């Protein structure tokens, strides 16, 4: 067996540095890095692809953080109730002292505030529903129906997958 040369040691150091940088990347950054090395030719590029694939696999196999059992809306409502309780108590005491001087409209203002919040939430959900109907999820298209630009893009994607060793 031959002794490692300076060139081999430099490549090993470069691979080690590349491997150390991968865990620091976000998922989007990792996908961008995978796309960068996908089209590179040669042995070194193959090693880079293997490192990126190993990092992807390690992220897939790690257990995702457990989601809390309570819903988000329940947590928000509880937080609002806890934060608003002292202000409501002080306001209630002030209203009790001056109840005969307070206009009747102000006594119904908490109900109006809750109605406005409900209207805002309903409007945002309606907007999301309309947007989902205007821009539905992607639909499979026959390759013969693609325009030349679509065919070129499909060819590039297939070439990149073949370069990575994936089956198309």
C-alpha atoms as a PDB file:
ATOM      1  CA  UNK A   1       0.000   0.000   0.000  1.00  0.00           C
ATOM      2  CA  UNK A   2       1.323   3.418  -0.880  1.00  0.00           C
ATOM      3  CA  UNK A   3       1.649   6.300   1.526  1.00  0.00           C
ATOM      4  CA  UNK A   4      -0.910   9.061   1.166  1.00  0.00           C
ATOM      5  CA  UNK A   5       0.296  12.023  -0.821  1.00  0.00           C
ATOM      6  CA  UNK A   6      -0.241  15.687  -0.073  1.00  0.00           C
ATOM      7  CA  UNK A   7      -2.986  15.765  -2.715  1.00  0.00           C
ATOM      8  CA  UNK A   8      -4.893  12.968  -0.958  1.00  0.00           C
ATOM      9  CA  UNK A   9      -4.506  14.650   2.419  1.00  0.00           C
ATOM     10  CA  UNK A  10      -5.813  17.948   1.002  1.00  0.00           C
ATOM     11  CA  UNK A  11      -8.866  16.166  -0.405  1.00  0.00           C
ATOM     12  CA  UNK A  12      -9.458  14.407   2.902  1.00  0.00           C
ATOM     13  CA  UNK A  13      -9.267  17.720   4.761  1.00  0.00           C
ATOM     14  CA  UNK A  14     -11.636  19.345   2.261  1.00  0.00           C
ATOM     15  CA  UNK A  15     -14.110  16.464   2.649  1.00  0.00           C
ATOM     16  CA  UNK A  16     -13.905  16.706   6.434  1.00  0.00           C
ATOM     17  CA  UNK A  17     -14.589  20.448   6.314  1.00  0.00           C
ATOM     18  CA  UNK A  18     -17.509  19.886   3.944  1.00  0.00           C
ATOM     19  CA  UNK A  19     -18.930  17.218   6.290  1.00  0.00           C
ATOM     20  CA  UNK A  20     -18.573  19.535   9.318  1.00  0.00           C
ATOM     21  CA  UNK A  21     -20.477  22.307   7.549  1.00  0.00           C
ATOM     22  CA  UNK A  22     -23.476  20.172   6.586  1.00  0.00           C
ATOM     23  CA  UNK A  23     -25.173  19.915  10.021  1.00  0.00           C
ATOM     24  CA  UNK A  24     -25.119  23.715  10.322  1.00  0.00           C
ATOM     25  CA  UNK A  25     -27.206  24.138   7.154  1.00  0.00           C
ATOM     26  CA  UNK A  26     -30.964  24.494   7.167  1.00  0.00           C
ATOM     27  CA  UNK A  27     -33.023  21.983   5.206  1.00  0.00           C
ATOM     28  CA  UNK A  28     -33.326  24.455   2.326  1.00  0.00           C
ATOM     29  CA  UNK A  29     -29.576  25.078   2.431  1.00  0.00           C
ATOM     30  CA  UNK A  30     -28.925  21.346   2.348  1.00  0.00           C
ATOM     31  CA  UNK A  31     -31.177  20.953  -0.698  1.00  0.00           C
ATOM     32  CA  UNK A  32     -29.399  23.852  -2.395  1.00  0.00           C
ATOM     33  CA  UNK A  33     -26.031  22.236  -1.639  1.00  0.00           C
ATOM     34  CA  UNK A  34     -27.327  18.925  -3.030  1.00  0.00           C
ATOM     35  CA  UNK A  35     -28.360  20.676  -6.243  1.00  0.00           C
ATOM     36  CA  UNK A  36     -24.927  22.310  -6.498  1.00  0.00           C
ATOM     37  CA  UNK A  37     -23.008  19.044  -6.251  1.00  0.00           C
ATOM     38  CA  UNK A  38     -25.492  16.994  -8.311  1.00  0.00           C
ATOM     39  CA  UNK A  39     -24.156  18.137 -11.654  1.00  0.00           C
ATOM     40  CA  UNK A  40     -20.450  17.966 -10.789  1.00  0.00           C
ATOM     41  CA  UNK A  41     -18.457  15.173 -12.439  1.00  0.00           C
ATOM     42  CA  UNK A  42     -15.743  13.020 -10.933  1.00  0.00           C
ATOM     43  CA  UNK A  43     -14.778  11.094  -7.851  1.00  0.00           C
ATOM     44  CA  UNK A  44     -14.675  14.100  -5.518  1.00  0.00           C
ATOM     45  CA  UNK A  45     -18.181  15.164  -6.537  1.00  0.00           C
ATOM     46  CA  UNK A  46     -19.379  11.623  -5.874  1.00  0.00           C
ATOM     47  CA  UNK A  47     -17.978  11.837  -2.365  1.00  0.00           C
ATOM     48  CA  UNK A  48     -19.681  15.202  -1.848  1.00  0.00           C
ATOM     49  CA  UNK A  49     -22.996  13.719  -3.023  1.00  0.00           C
ATOM     50  CA  UNK A  50     -22.533  10.780  -0.680  1.00  0.00           C
ATOM     51  CA  UNK A  51     -21.935  13.145   2.270  1.00  0.00           C
ATOM     52  CA  UNK A  52     -25.024  15.206   1.415  1.00  0.00           C
ATOM     53  CA  UNK A  53     -27.113  12.032   1.093  1.00  0.00           C
ATOM     54  CA  UNK A  54     -25.829  10.792   4.452  1.00  0.00           C
ATOM     55  CA  UNK A  55     -26.771  14.105   6.084  1.00  0.00           C
ATOM     56  CA  UNK A  56     -30.236  13.961   4.506  1.00  0.00           C
ATOM     57  CA  UNK A  57     -30.714  10.411   5.767  1.00  0.00           C
ATOM     58  CA  UNK A  58     -29.562  11.319   9.271  1.00  0.00           C
ATOM     59  CA  UNK A  59     -32.084  14.180   9.336  1.00  0.00           C
ATOM     60  CA  UNK A  60     -34.849  11.839   8.187  1.00  0.00           C
ATOM     61  CA  UNK A  61     -34.074   9.212  10.814  1.00  0.00           C
ATOM     62  CA  UNK A  62     -33.834  11.590  13.756  1.00  0.00           C
ATOM     63  CA  UNK A  63     -37.014  11.829  15.727  1.00  0.00           C
ATOM     64  CA  UNK A  64     -38.918  15.021  15.002  1.00  0.00           C
ATOM     65  CA  UNK A  65     -39.690  17.227  17.980  1.00  0.00           C
ATOM     66  CA  UNK A  66     -42.901  16.204  19.642  1.00  0.00           C
ATOM     67  CA  UNK A  67     -45.767  18.601  19.119  1.00  0.00           C
ATOM     68  CA  UNK A  68     -47.700  19.702  22.155  1.00  0.00           C
ATOM     69  CA  UNK A  69     -50.983  17.922  22.616  1.00  0.00           C
ATOM     70  CA  UNK A  70     -52.987  21.102  22.991  1.00  0.00           C
ATOM     71  CA  UNK A  71     -54.014  22.993  19.913  1.00  0.00           C
ATOM     72  CA  UNK A  72     -52.575  26.356  19.008  1.00  0.00           C
ATOM     73  CA  UNK A  73     -55.942  28.087  19.279  1.00  0.00           C
ATOM     74  CA  UNK A  74     -56.399  26.767  22.815  1.00  0.00           C
ATOM     75  CA  UNK A  75     -52.957  28.051  23.840  1.00  0.00           C
ATOM     76  CA  UNK A  76     -53.654  31.475  22.335  1.00  0.00           C
ATOM     77  CA  UNK A  77     -57.033  31.688  24.043  1.00  0.00           C
ATOM     78  CA  UNK A  78     -55.519  30.685  27.385  1.00  0.00           C
ATOM     79  CA  UNK A  79     -52.711  33.222  27.002  1.00  0.00           C
ATOM     80  CA  UNK A  80     -55.154  35.974  26.102  1.00  0.00           C
ATOM     81  CA  UNK A  81     -57.356  35.089  29.068  1.00  0.00           C
ATOM     82  CA  UNK A  82     -54.422  35.118  31.479  1.00  0.00           C
ATOM     83  CA  UNK A  83     -52.977  38.352  30.090  1.00  0.00           C
ATOM     84  CA  UNK A  84     -56.351  40.091  29.944  1.00  0.00           C
ATOM     85  CA  UNK A  85     -57.669  38.994  33.340  1.00  0.00           C
ATOM     86  CA  UNK A  86     -56.048  41.800  35.423  1.00  0.00           C
ATOM     87  CA  UNK A  87     -57.104  44.480  32.946  1.00  0.00           C
ATOM     88  CA  UNK A  88     -60.639  43.116  32.842  1.00  0.00           C
ATOM     89  CA  UNK A  89     -60.826  43.039  36.648  1.00  0.00           C
ATOM     90  CA  UNK A  90     -59.643  46.646  36.963  1.00  0.00           C
ATOM     91  CA  UNK A  91     -61.998  47.770  34.219  1.00  0.00           C
ATOM     92  CA  UNK A  92     -64.876  45.937  35.893  1.00  0.00           C
ATOM     93  CA  UNK A  93     -64.174  47.653  39.209  1.00  0.00           C
ATOM     94  CA  UNK A  94     -64.045  51.045  37.526  1.00  0.00           C
ATOM     95  CA  UNK A  95     -67.285  50.347  35.689  1.00  0.00           C
ATOM     96  CA  UNK A  96     -68.976  49.212  38.910  1.00  0.00           C
ATOM     97  CA  UNK A  97     -68.086  52.494  40.606  1.00  0.00           C
ATOM     98  CA  UNK A  98     -69.357  54.613  37.760  1.00  0.00           C
ATOM     99  CA  UNK A  99     -72.004  52.307  36.238  1.00  0.00           C
ATOM    100  CA  UNK A 100     -74.659  54.981  36.120  1.00  0.00           C
ATOM    101  CA  UNK A 101     -72.321  57.372  34.274  1.00  0.00           C
ATOM    102  CA  UNK A 102     -71.040  54.874  31.655  1.00  0.00           C
ATOM    103  CA  UNK A 103     -72.903  54.786  28.346  1.00  0.00           C
ATOM    104  CA  UNK A 104     -74.598  51.457  27.667  1.00  0.00           C
ATOM    105  CA  UNK A 105     -72.565  50.951  24.465  1.00  0.00           C
ATOM    106  CA  UNK A 106     -69.309  50.619  26.400  1.00  0.00           C
ATOM    107  CA  UNK A 107     -70.723  47.787  28.472  1.00  0.00           C
ATOM    108  CA  UNK A 108     -71.047  45.702  25.306  1.00  0.00           C
ATOM    109  CA  UNK A 109     -67.550  46.506  24.007  1.00  0.00           C
ATOM    110  CA  UNK A 110     -65.987  43.158  25.114  1.00  0.00           C
ATOM    111  CA  UNK A 111     -68.570  41.323  23.042  1.00  0.00           C
ATOM    112  CA  UNK A 112     -67.824  43.614  20.104  1.00  0.00           C
ATOM    113  CA  UNK A 113     -64.075  42.951  20.477  1.00  0.00           C
ATOM    114  CA  UNK A 114     -64.637  39.192  20.475  1.00  0.00           C
ATOM    115  CA  UNK A 115     -66.849  39.566  17.404  1.00  0.00           C
ATOM    116  CA  UNK A 116     -64.163  41.570  15.594  1.00  0.00           C
ATOM    117  CA  UNK A 117     -61.534  38.938  16.380  1.00  0.00           C
ATOM    118  CA  UNK A 118     -63.878  36.208  15.151  1.00  0.00           C
ATOM    119  CA  UNK A 119     -64.524  38.203  11.972  1.00  0.00           C
ATOM    120  CA  UNK A 120     -60.776  38.650  11.369  1.00  0.00           C
ATOM    121  CA  UNK A 121     -60.105  34.933  11.863  1.00  0.00           C
ATOM    122  CA  UNK A 122     -63.020  34.046   9.609  1.00  0.00           C
ATOM    123  CA  UNK A 123     -61.812  36.470   6.937  1.00  0.00           C
ATOM    124  CA  UNK A 124     -58.289  35.026   6.968  1.00  0.00           C
ATOM    125  CA  UNK A 125     -59.628  31.477   6.673  1.00  0.00           C
ATOM    126  CA  UNK A 126     -61.936  32.527   3.864  1.00  0.00           C
ATOM    127  CA  UNK A 127     -59.012  34.184   2.075  1.00  0.00           C
ATOM    128  CA  UNK A 128     -56.955  30.997   2.451  1.00  0.00           C
ATOM    129  CA  UNK A 129     -59.847  28.896   1.136  1.00  0.00           C
ATOM    130  CA  UNK A 130     -60.266  31.199  -1.901  1.00  0.00           C
ATOM    131  CA  UNK A 131     -56.509  31.124  -2.540  1.00  0.00           C
ATOM    132  CA  UNK A 132     -56.477  27.315  -2.402  1.00  0.00           C
ATOM    133  CA  UNK A 133     -59.263  27.228  -4.986  1.00  0.00           C
ATOM    134  CA  UNK A 134     -57.533  29.755  -7.262  1.00  0.00           C
ATOM    135  CA  UNK A 135     -54.135  28.014  -7.066  1.00  0.00           C
ATOM    136  CA  UNK A 136     -54.758  24.280  -6.643  1.00  0.00           C
ATOM    137  CA  UNK A 137     -52.006  21.762  -6.039  1.00  0.00           C
ATOM    138  CA  UNK A 138     -49.917  20.613  -8.967  1.00  0.00           C
ATOM    139  CA  UNK A 139     -51.491  18.101 -11.332  1.00  0.00           C
ATOM    140  CA  UNK A 140     -49.582  15.417 -13.224  1.00  0.00           C
ATOM    141  CA  UNK A 141     -49.191  16.361 -16.872  1.00  0.00           C
ATOM    142  CA  UNK A 142     -48.410  14.143 -19.801  1.00  0.00           C
ATOM    143  CA  UNK A 143     -44.903  14.704 -21.166  1.00  0.00           C
ATOM    144  CA  UNK A 144     -46.298  15.189 -24.674  1.00  0.00           C
ATOM    145  CA  UNK A 145     -48.304  18.198 -23.410  1.00  0.00           C
ATOM    146  CA  UNK A 146     -45.192  20.085 -22.261  1.00  0.00           C
ATOM    147  CA  UNK A 147     -43.867  23.050 -24.181  1.00  0.00           C
ATOM    148  CA  UNK A 148     -40.166  23.095 -25.245  1.00  0.00           C
ATOM    149  CA  UNK A 149     -39.081  24.863 -22.056  1.00  0.00           C
ATOM    150  CA  UNK A 150     -40.884  22.273 -19.924  1.00  0.00           C
ATOM    151  CA  UNK A 151     -39.279  19.423 -21.872  1.00  0.00           C
ATOM    152  CA  UNK A 152     -35.847  20.998 -21.397  1.00  0.00           C
ATOM    153  CA  UNK A 153     -36.421  21.374 -17.656  1.00  0.00           C
ATOM    154  CA  UNK A 154     -37.629  17.776 -17.390  1.00  0.00           C
ATOM    155  CA  UNK A 155     -34.513  16.587 -19.239  1.00  0.00           C
ATOM    156  CA  UNK A 156     -32.269  18.535 -16.818  1.00  0.00           C
ATOM    157  CA  UNK A 157     -34.026  17.063 -13.793  1.00  0.00           C
ATOM    158  CA  UNK A 158     -33.715  13.544 -15.163  1.00  0.00           C
ATOM    159  CA  UNK A 159     -30.015  14.076 -15.953  1.00  0.00           C
ATOM    160  CA  UNK A 160     -29.361  15.339 -12.428  1.00  0.00           C
ATOM    161  CA  UNK A 161     -31.154  12.327 -10.942  1.00  0.00           C
ATOM    162  CA  UNK A 162     -29.189   9.937 -13.148  1.00  0.00           C
ATOM    163  CA  UNK A 163     -25.960  11.681 -12.069  1.00  0.00           C
ATOM    164  CA  UNK A 164     -26.912  11.011  -8.441  1.00  0.00           C
ATOM    165  CA  UNK A 165     -27.704   7.418  -9.251  1.00  0.00           C
ATOM    166  CA  UNK A 166     -31.459   7.673  -8.737  1.00  0.00           C
ATOM    167  CA  UNK A 167     -33.841   5.638 -10.840  1.00  0.00           C
ATOM    168  CA  UNK A 168     -36.130   7.808 -12.973  1.00  0.00           C
END
